């Protein structure tokens, strides 16, 4: 096995799942596993979420759904986002629940001549996709003419539940207008992770957490479910004045122990964290974990780190820690590069083996 891998803790995933379900007031959980489960591995994470009792899974594309189906996932799969008419056949083939936000996609599905359960998306303020709230009556009337489309659910997306409570309450109010038009009997859902934590389940049927399941949002009791681990391929002592890496952006100040780790920006480490990020390792002596700075440019396949002492090639380093450390976690990488934690998570390369643990024991390996 390549001496670099992503370790995913399914017990922590369960912790996050139950915390979010409690915050949602017992509403159902739709587990969002798009973008390869935010980099954590959609197949194994999806299977675990269904085992935990999720209503179903949500993906962004038919290709993502196909991967799940081919791996034996038989639960509900909701296709989020606007459906293009050209994707209609895949919906039937893969037994998906499509999101409908245009009449063109509705007509393409209806023309297939088979009963298809659908969820209608309304735009309550995100401005990205969905039927206008003001046209709810017209949408209801029009869909009454589609003999093959079975409206099962109705939903919308928050625009800024993390920071704008006023705007979020306005969106909730607009969604309730849609609910009044359609009435009871439908599967209503609105809340993402931030909406679930800040506004509960809004009294609706389900919530759709994504980033919260993976624990990449600090301050709510959620915990990151994964850490990136690697063993060094070389450890050596360099003299003072030695420049390291492309561009020579780090120069040794004295004799320094430098380790090369076989991970780089092709594995998902942001190139801009050089000379700012740290990695962590546990000394053989049993002392407290040590933070070692990443020195020099992040390469495509390697990074270099400064050590306080010599270590062997069997030493395991935590390149990304399972916490919210500002210099060594996925969340910290996002802070260092001015983005959100979603981005470094989804960029974790598929060439990294994924190792899944439950109760401290490996239960699955992908890669």
Protein backbone atom coordinates (compact mmCIF):
# COMPACT_ATOMS: atom_id res chain seq x y z
CA UNK A 1 0.00 0.00 0.00
CA UNK A 2 1.17 3.51 -0.72
CA UNK A 3 2.57 5.05 2.52
CA UNK A 4 -0.15 7.72 2.52
CA UNK A 5 -3.82 7.13 3.24
CA UNK A 6 -7.04 8.68 4.53
CA UNK A 7 -8.37 7.12 7.72
CA UNK A 8 -12.14 7.54 8.17
CA UNK A 9 -13.69 6.92 11.58
CA UNK A 10 -17.24 5.59 11.23
CA UNK A 11 -17.90 5.95 14.96
CA UNK A 12 -17.35 9.69 14.66
CA UNK A 13 -19.64 9.76 11.62
CA UNK A 14 -22.32 8.14 13.80
CA UNK A 15 -21.72 10.75 16.52
CA UNK A 16 -22.25 13.57 14.02
CA UNK A 17 -25.30 11.86 12.52
CA UNK A 18 -27.05 11.51 15.88
CA UNK A 19 -26.10 15.04 17.00
CA UNK A 20 -27.64 16.49 13.83
CA UNK A 21 -30.74 14.32 14.12
CA UNK A 22 -31.24 15.56 17.68
CA UNK A 23 -30.83 19.18 16.59
CA UNK A 24 -33.38 18.53 13.84
CA UNK A 25 -35.99 17.55 16.40
CA UNK A 26 -36.11 13.98 15.17
CA UNK A 27 -36.67 14.87 11.51
CA UNK A 28 -35.34 12.41 8.97
CA UNK A 29 -31.74 12.71 7.75
CA UNK A 30 -30.97 12.86 4.05
CA UNK A 31 -27.25 12.14 3.94
CA UNK A 32 -25.51 14.32 1.36
CA UNK A 33 -22.71 12.26 -0.21
CA UNK A 34 -22.07 14.29 -3.36
CA UNK A 35 -18.47 14.94 -4.45
CA UNK A 36 -17.43 11.50 -3.17
CA UNK A 37 -18.95 12.24 0.24
CA UNK A 38 -17.01 15.49 0.44
CA UNK A 39 -13.84 13.53 -0.29
CA UNK A 40 -14.42 10.83 2.32
CA UNK A 41 -15.66 8.07 0.00
CA UNK A 42 -19.30 8.01 -1.06
CA UNK A 43 -19.80 4.25 -1.17
CA UNK A 44 -18.65 3.36 2.35
CA UNK A 45 -19.98 6.56 3.92
CA UNK A 46 -23.29 6.14 2.11
CA UNK A 47 -23.67 2.55 3.28
CA UNK A 48 -22.91 3.62 6.84
CA UNK A 49 -25.44 6.45 6.77
CA UNK A 50 -28.14 4.07 5.58
CA UNK A 51 -27.14 1.63 8.32
CA UNK A 52 -27.53 4.46 10.85
CA UNK A 53 -31.08 5.05 9.64
CA UNK A 54 -30.82 7.83 7.06
CA UNK A 55 -33.96 8.28 4.93
CA UNK A 56 -31.73 8.18 1.89
CA UNK A 57 -28.71 9.71 0.23
CA UNK A 58 -28.30 12.82 -1.93
CA UNK A 59 -25.91 13.25 -4.84
CA UNK A 60 -25.32 15.94 -7.47
CA UNK A 61 -25.02 13.91 -10.67
CA UNK A 62 -26.26 10.63 -12.16
CA UNK A 63 -22.63 9.52 -12.40
CA UNK A 64 -22.30 9.80 -8.61
CA UNK A 65 -25.49 7.78 -8.22
CA UNK A 66 -24.23 5.14 -10.63
CA UNK A 67 -21.15 4.56 -8.48
CA UNK A 68 -23.41 3.92 -5.49
CA UNK A 69 -25.74 1.58 -7.37
CA UNK A 70 -22.86 -0.41 -8.87
CA UNK A 71 -21.47 -0.84 -5.35
CA UNK A 72 -24.75 -2.38 -4.19
CA UNK A 73 -26.46 0.61 -2.57
CA UNK A 74 -30.22 -0.01 -2.86
CA UNK A 75 -31.61 2.81 -0.71
CA UNK A 76 -33.24 6.02 -1.90
CA UNK A 77 -30.98 8.36 -3.85
CA UNK A 78 -32.11 11.95 -4.34
CA UNK A 79 -30.57 13.81 -7.26
CA UNK A 80 -30.05 17.37 -6.06
CA UNK A 81 -29.85 20.37 -8.35
CA UNK A 82 -31.35 21.12 -11.72
CA UNK A 83 -31.96 18.08 -13.91
CA UNK A 84 -31.08 18.53 -17.56
CA UNK A 85 -33.59 16.87 -19.93
CA UNK A 86 -30.74 14.79 -21.38
CA UNK A 87 -30.36 13.09 -17.99
CA UNK A 88 -33.92 11.80 -17.86
CA UNK A 89 -33.13 8.28 -19.03
CA UNK A 90 -30.44 7.85 -16.35
CA UNK A 91 -33.01 8.70 -13.69
CA UNK A 92 -35.12 5.72 -14.71
CA UNK A 93 -32.17 3.40 -15.26
CA UNK A 94 -30.67 4.08 -11.82
CA UNK A 95 -34.01 4.39 -9.97
CA UNK A 96 -33.28 7.89 -8.74
CA UNK A 97 -35.54 10.53 -7.24
CA UNK A 98 -34.88 13.59 -9.41
CA UNK A 99 -35.17 17.23 -8.43
CA UNK A 100 -37.38 19.14 -10.84
CA UNK A 101 -37.01 22.89 -11.25
CA UNK A 102 -37.95 23.37 -14.91
CA UNK A 103 -40.85 22.31 -17.09
CA UNK A 104 -38.41 21.09 -19.73
CA UNK A 105 -36.99 18.42 -17.40
CA UNK A 106 -40.49 17.53 -16.21
CA UNK A 107 -41.68 16.95 -19.76
CA UNK A 108 -38.62 14.85 -20.62
CA UNK A 109 -39.25 12.60 -17.63
CA UNK A 110 -42.98 12.36 -18.24
CA UNK A 111 -42.37 11.35 -21.85
CA UNK A 112 -40.54 8.19 -20.73
CA UNK A 113 -43.92 6.68 -19.92
CA UNK A 114 -43.01 5.23 -16.51
CA UNK A 115 -44.13 6.35 -13.02
CA UNK A 116 -41.33 8.44 -11.51
CA UNK A 117 -41.32 9.90 -7.97
CA UNK A 118 -39.97 13.46 -8.03
CA UNK A 119 -39.09 16.28 -5.66
CA UNK A 120 -39.92 19.83 -6.71
CA UNK A 121 -37.39 22.56 -5.97
CA UNK A 122 -38.51 26.12 -5.24
CA UNK A 123 -36.27 29.18 -5.16
CA UNK A 124 -36.87 30.92 -1.83
CA UNK A 125 -33.91 33.28 -2.10
CA UNK A 126 -30.75 31.52 -3.24
CA UNK A 127 -31.37 32.64 -6.81
CA UNK A 128 -29.68 29.61 -8.31
CA UNK A 129 -32.38 27.16 -9.38
CA UNK A 130 -35.97 26.29 -8.58
CA UNK A 131 -39.50 27.38 -9.46
CA UNK A 132 -40.47 30.86 -8.21
CA UNK A 133 -42.44 30.78 -4.98
CA UNK A 134 -44.98 33.12 -6.56
CA UNK A 135 -45.79 30.45 -9.15
CA UNK A 136 -46.51 27.66 -6.69
CA UNK A 137 -50.19 27.49 -7.71
CA UNK A 138 -49.26 27.37 -11.41
CA UNK A 139 -46.65 24.67 -10.79
CA UNK A 140 -49.18 22.60 -8.87
CA UNK A 141 -51.69 22.94 -11.68
CA UNK A 142 -49.17 22.11 -14.41
CA UNK A 143 -47.83 19.02 -12.64
CA UNK A 144 -51.36 17.76 -12.30
CA UNK A 145 -51.22 17.17 -16.07
CA UNK A 146 -48.13 14.96 -15.96
CA UNK A 147 -49.59 11.48 -15.61
CA UNK A 148 -46.19 9.81 -14.97
CA UNK A 149 -44.70 12.22 -12.42
CA UNK A 150 -45.52 11.49 -8.79
CA UNK A 151 -44.74 14.49 -6.58
CA UNK A 152 -43.23 12.97 -3.47
CA UNK A 153 -41.22 15.81 -1.97
CA UNK A 154 -40.80 19.59 -2.06
CA UNK A 155 -37.69 21.48 -1.01
CA UNK A 156 -35.52 24.58 -1.22
CA UNK A 157 -31.98 25.70 -0.36
CA UNK A 158 -30.81 28.25 2.19
CA UNK A 159 -28.54 31.00 0.90
CA UNK A 160 -26.69 31.97 4.10
CA UNK A 161 -27.91 30.10 7.16
CA UNK A 162 -24.40 30.32 8.62
CA UNK A 163 -24.36 34.10 9.04
CA UNK A 164 -27.64 35.78 8.05
CA UNK A 165 -30.44 34.79 10.40
CA UNK A 166 -32.83 37.44 9.09
CA UNK A 167 -32.50 36.31 5.49
CA UNK A 168 -32.83 32.69 6.57
CA UNK A 169 -36.10 33.39 8.43
CA UNK A 170 -37.38 35.13 5.31
CA UNK A 171 -36.59 32.03 3.29
CA UNK A 172 -38.37 29.83 5.82
CA UNK A 173 -41.41 32.09 5.51
CA UNK A 174 -41.40 31.84 1.72
CA UNK A 175 -41.06 28.07 1.88
CA UNK A 176 -44.05 27.91 4.19
CA UNK A 177 -46.03 29.76 1.51
CA UNK A 178 -45.27 26.91 -0.87
CA UNK A 179 -46.26 24.43 1.81
CA UNK A 180 -49.61 26.14 2.26
CA UNK A 181 -50.27 25.85 -1.48
CA UNK A 182 -49.45 22.14 -1.72
CA UNK A 183 -50.76 21.17 1.71
CA UNK A 184 -49.97 18.09 3.81
CA UNK A 185 -48.86 14.72 2.56
CA UNK A 186 -45.55 15.71 0.97
CA UNK A 187 -41.97 15.17 2.11
CA UNK A 188 -40.78 18.72 2.85
CA UNK A 189 -37.12 19.56 3.46
CA UNK A 190 -35.14 22.78 3.63
CA UNK A 191 -32.29 22.76 6.18
CA UNK A 192 -28.65 22.16 5.38
CA UNK A 193 -26.13 21.69 8.20
CA UNK A 194 -26.15 25.35 9.29
CA UNK A 195 -29.92 25.48 9.02
CA UNK A 196 -30.25 22.34 11.14
CA UNK A 197 -27.93 23.65 13.84
CA UNK A 198 -29.40 27.15 13.89
CA UNK A 199 -33.07 26.54 13.13
CA UNK A 200 -33.73 22.88 13.90
CA UNK A 201 -35.76 20.95 11.40
CA UNK A 202 -38.17 23.87 10.89
CA UNK A 203 -40.97 21.42 11.65
CA UNK A 204 -40.46 19.73 8.27
CA UNK A 205 -40.01 16.12 7.24
CA UNK A 206 -36.23 16.01 6.86
CA UNK A 207 -32.93 17.88 6.88
CA UNK A 208 -30.06 17.58 4.41
CA UNK A 209 -26.72 17.84 6.27
CA UNK A 210 -23.53 17.65 4.30
CA UNK A 211 -20.49 19.31 5.86
CA UNK A 212 -21.80 18.59 9.37
CA UNK A 213 -21.77 14.84 8.81
CA UNK A 214 -18.05 15.11 8.11
CA UNK A 215 -17.45 17.31 11.16
CA UNK A 216 -15.80 20.19 9.33
CA UNK A 217 -17.69 22.93 11.14
CA UNK A 218 -16.26 23.92 14.54
CA UNK A 219 -18.16 25.03 17.60
CA UNK A 220 -21.22 22.73 17.61
CA UNK A 221 -19.83 19.50 19.02
CA UNK A 222 -19.27 18.03 15.57
CA UNK A 223 -16.00 16.19 15.04
CA UNK A 224 -13.99 15.61 11.84
CA UNK A 225 -14.33 12.00 10.75
CA UNK A 226 -11.03 11.67 8.86
CA UNK A 227 -7.34 12.28 9.10
CA UNK A 228 -4.68 12.10 6.41
CA UNK A 229 -1.73 9.93 7.38
CA UNK A 230 1.66 9.34 5.78
CA UNK A 231 5.04 7.75 6.46
CA UNK A 232 8.22 9.52 5.36
CA UNK A 233 10.08 8.30 2.31
CA UNK A 234 13.28 10.04 3.41
CA UNK A 235 14.62 11.60 6.63
CA UNK A 236 17.94 13.43 6.57
CA UNK A 237 19.94 16.12 8.35
CA UNK A 238 20.67 19.17 6.19
CA UNK A 239 23.29 21.83 6.91
CA UNK A 240 22.56 25.50 7.53
CA UNK A 241 21.83 27.58 4.46
CA UNK A 242 20.28 24.79 2.39
CA UNK A 243 17.33 25.92 0.27
CA UNK A 244 14.42 23.49 0.08
CA UNK A 245 11.82 22.87 -2.61
CA UNK A 246 10.77 24.56 -5.82
CA UNK A 247 11.74 28.22 -5.76
CA UNK A 248 13.84 27.73 -2.62
CA UNK A 249 11.20 29.33 -0.44
CA UNK A 250 12.68 27.94 2.76
CA UNK A 251 16.31 28.04 3.90
CA UNK A 252 17.59 26.00 6.83
CA UNK A 253 18.70 28.20 9.72
CA UNK A 254 21.08 25.64 11.18
CA UNK A 255 21.47 21.90 10.99
CA UNK A 256 17.92 20.63 10.62
CA UNK A 257 16.23 17.26 10.31
CA UNK A 258 13.98 17.28 7.26
CA UNK A 259 11.45 14.58 6.37
CA UNK A 260 9.90 14.11 2.96
CA UNK A 261 6.30 12.88 3.03
CA UNK A 262 4.73 11.35 -0.10
CA UNK A 263 1.68 13.61 -0.40
CA UNK A 264 1.20 16.88 -2.25
CA UNK A 265 -1.26 19.08 -4.01
CA UNK A 266 -2.31 16.20 -6.28
CA UNK A 267 -3.58 14.57 -3.09
CA UNK A 268 -5.45 17.66 -1.97
CA UNK A 269 -2.96 19.61 0.13
CA UNK A 270 -3.41 23.27 -0.83
CA UNK A 271 -0.29 24.59 -2.51
CA UNK A 272 -0.58 27.87 -0.59
CA UNK A 273 -0.05 26.38 2.90
CA UNK A 274 3.74 26.17 2.49
CA UNK A 275 5.71 27.58 5.42
CA UNK A 276 2.43 27.93 7.36
CA UNK A 277 0.86 24.50 7.80
CA UNK A 278 2.07 21.90 10.27
CA UNK A 279 1.90 18.12 10.49
CA UNK A 280 1.79 16.15 13.71
CA UNK A 281 3.42 13.00 15.00
CA UNK A 282 3.57 11.08 18.26
CA UNK A 283 7.19 10.54 19.42
CA UNK A 284 8.17 6.94 20.22
CA UNK A 285 8.94 8.10 23.76
CA UNK A 286 5.22 8.54 24.40
CA UNK A 287 5.53 12.29 24.92
CA UNK A 288 2.88 14.76 23.76
CA UNK A 289 2.31 15.00 19.99
CA UNK A 290 4.68 17.32 18.21
CA UNK A 291 3.72 19.84 15.52
CA UNK A 292 6.23 20.04 12.69
CA UNK A 293 6.14 22.89 10.16
CA UNK A 294 5.77 22.29 6.45
CA UNK A 295 8.83 23.97 4.95
CA UNK A 296 9.26 24.88 1.33
CA UNK A 297 6.83 24.66 -1.55
CA UNK A 298 4.13 22.00 -1.58
CA UNK A 299 4.92 19.83 -4.60
CA UNK A 300 2.49 17.76 -6.64
CA UNK A 301 3.41 14.54 -4.83
CA UNK A 302 5.53 15.51 -1.82
CA UNK A 303 5.96 17.90 1.08
CA UNK A 304 8.94 18.51 3.33
CA UNK A 305 8.66 19.08 7.07
CA UNK A 306 11.15 20.18 9.73
CA UNK A 307 11.59 17.74 12.60
CA UNK A 308 12.94 18.29 16.11
CA UNK A 309 14.74 14.95 15.95
CA UNK A 310 15.50 12.01 13.71
CA UNK A 311 12.68 9.52 13.12
CA UNK A 312 12.47 6.23 11.25
CA UNK A 313 10.67 5.57 7.99
CA UNK A 314 7.96 3.69 9.89
CA UNK A 315 6.89 6.83 11.79
CA UNK A 316 3.29 7.82 10.99
CA UNK A 317 2.59 11.55 10.55
CA UNK A 318 -0.85 13.15 10.72
CA UNK A 319 -0.72 15.38 7.67
CA UNK A 320 -4.32 16.47 8.30
CA UNK A 321 -5.53 16.04 11.87
CA UNK A 322 -9.01 14.99 12.92
CA UNK A 323 -9.77 18.24 14.74
CA UNK A 324 -10.11 21.95 13.99
CA UNK A 325 -6.47 22.87 14.51
CA UNK A 326 -5.72 26.14 12.65
CA UNK A 327 -2.57 24.80 10.95
CA UNK A 328 -2.96 21.03 10.64
CA UNK A 329 -6.63 20.21 9.88
CA UNK A 330 -8.80 20.41 6.78
CA UNK A 331 -10.62 23.28 8.43
CA UNK A 332 -7.28 24.91 9.20
CA UNK A 333 -6.14 24.56 5.60
CA UNK A 334 -9.28 26.39 4.55
CA UNK A 335 -8.56 29.19 7.01
CA UNK A 336 -4.97 29.48 5.81
CA UNK A 337 -6.04 29.78 2.17
CA UNK A 338 -9.11 31.98 2.56
CA UNK A 339 -11.74 29.43 1.58
CA UNK A 340 -14.30 27.13 3.24
CA UNK A 341 -13.62 23.65 4.61
CA UNK A 342 -15.71 22.10 1.84
CA UNK A 343 -12.98 22.87 -0.67
CA UNK A 344 -9.95 21.07 0.81
CA UNK A 345 -12.24 18.16 1.74
CA UNK A 346 -13.61 17.56 -1.74
CA UNK A 347 -10.11 17.90 -3.21
CA UNK A 348 -8.82 14.87 -1.30
CA UNK A 349 -7.62 12.74 -4.18
CA UNK A 350 -9.08 9.36 -5.06
CA UNK A 351 -5.51 8.09 -5.37
CA UNK A 352 -5.36 8.12 -1.57
CA UNK A 353 -6.47 4.79 -0.13
CA UNK A 354 -9.42 5.16 2.23
CA UNK A 355 -9.32 3.02 5.37
CA UNK A 356 -12.56 2.80 7.39
CA UNK A 357 -12.56 2.08 11.12
CA UNK A 358 -15.33 1.09 13.50
CA UNK A 359 -14.48 0.48 17.13
CA UNK A 360 -10.82 1.02 16.24
CA UNK A 361 -10.88 -1.93 13.83
CA UNK A 362 -10.55 -1.70 10.06
CA UNK A 363 -13.84 -2.72 8.46
CA UNK A 364 -13.27 -1.60 4.86
CA UNK A 365 -10.55 -0.37 2.55
CA UNK A 366 -10.97 1.38 -0.79
CA UNK A 367 -8.13 1.99 -3.22
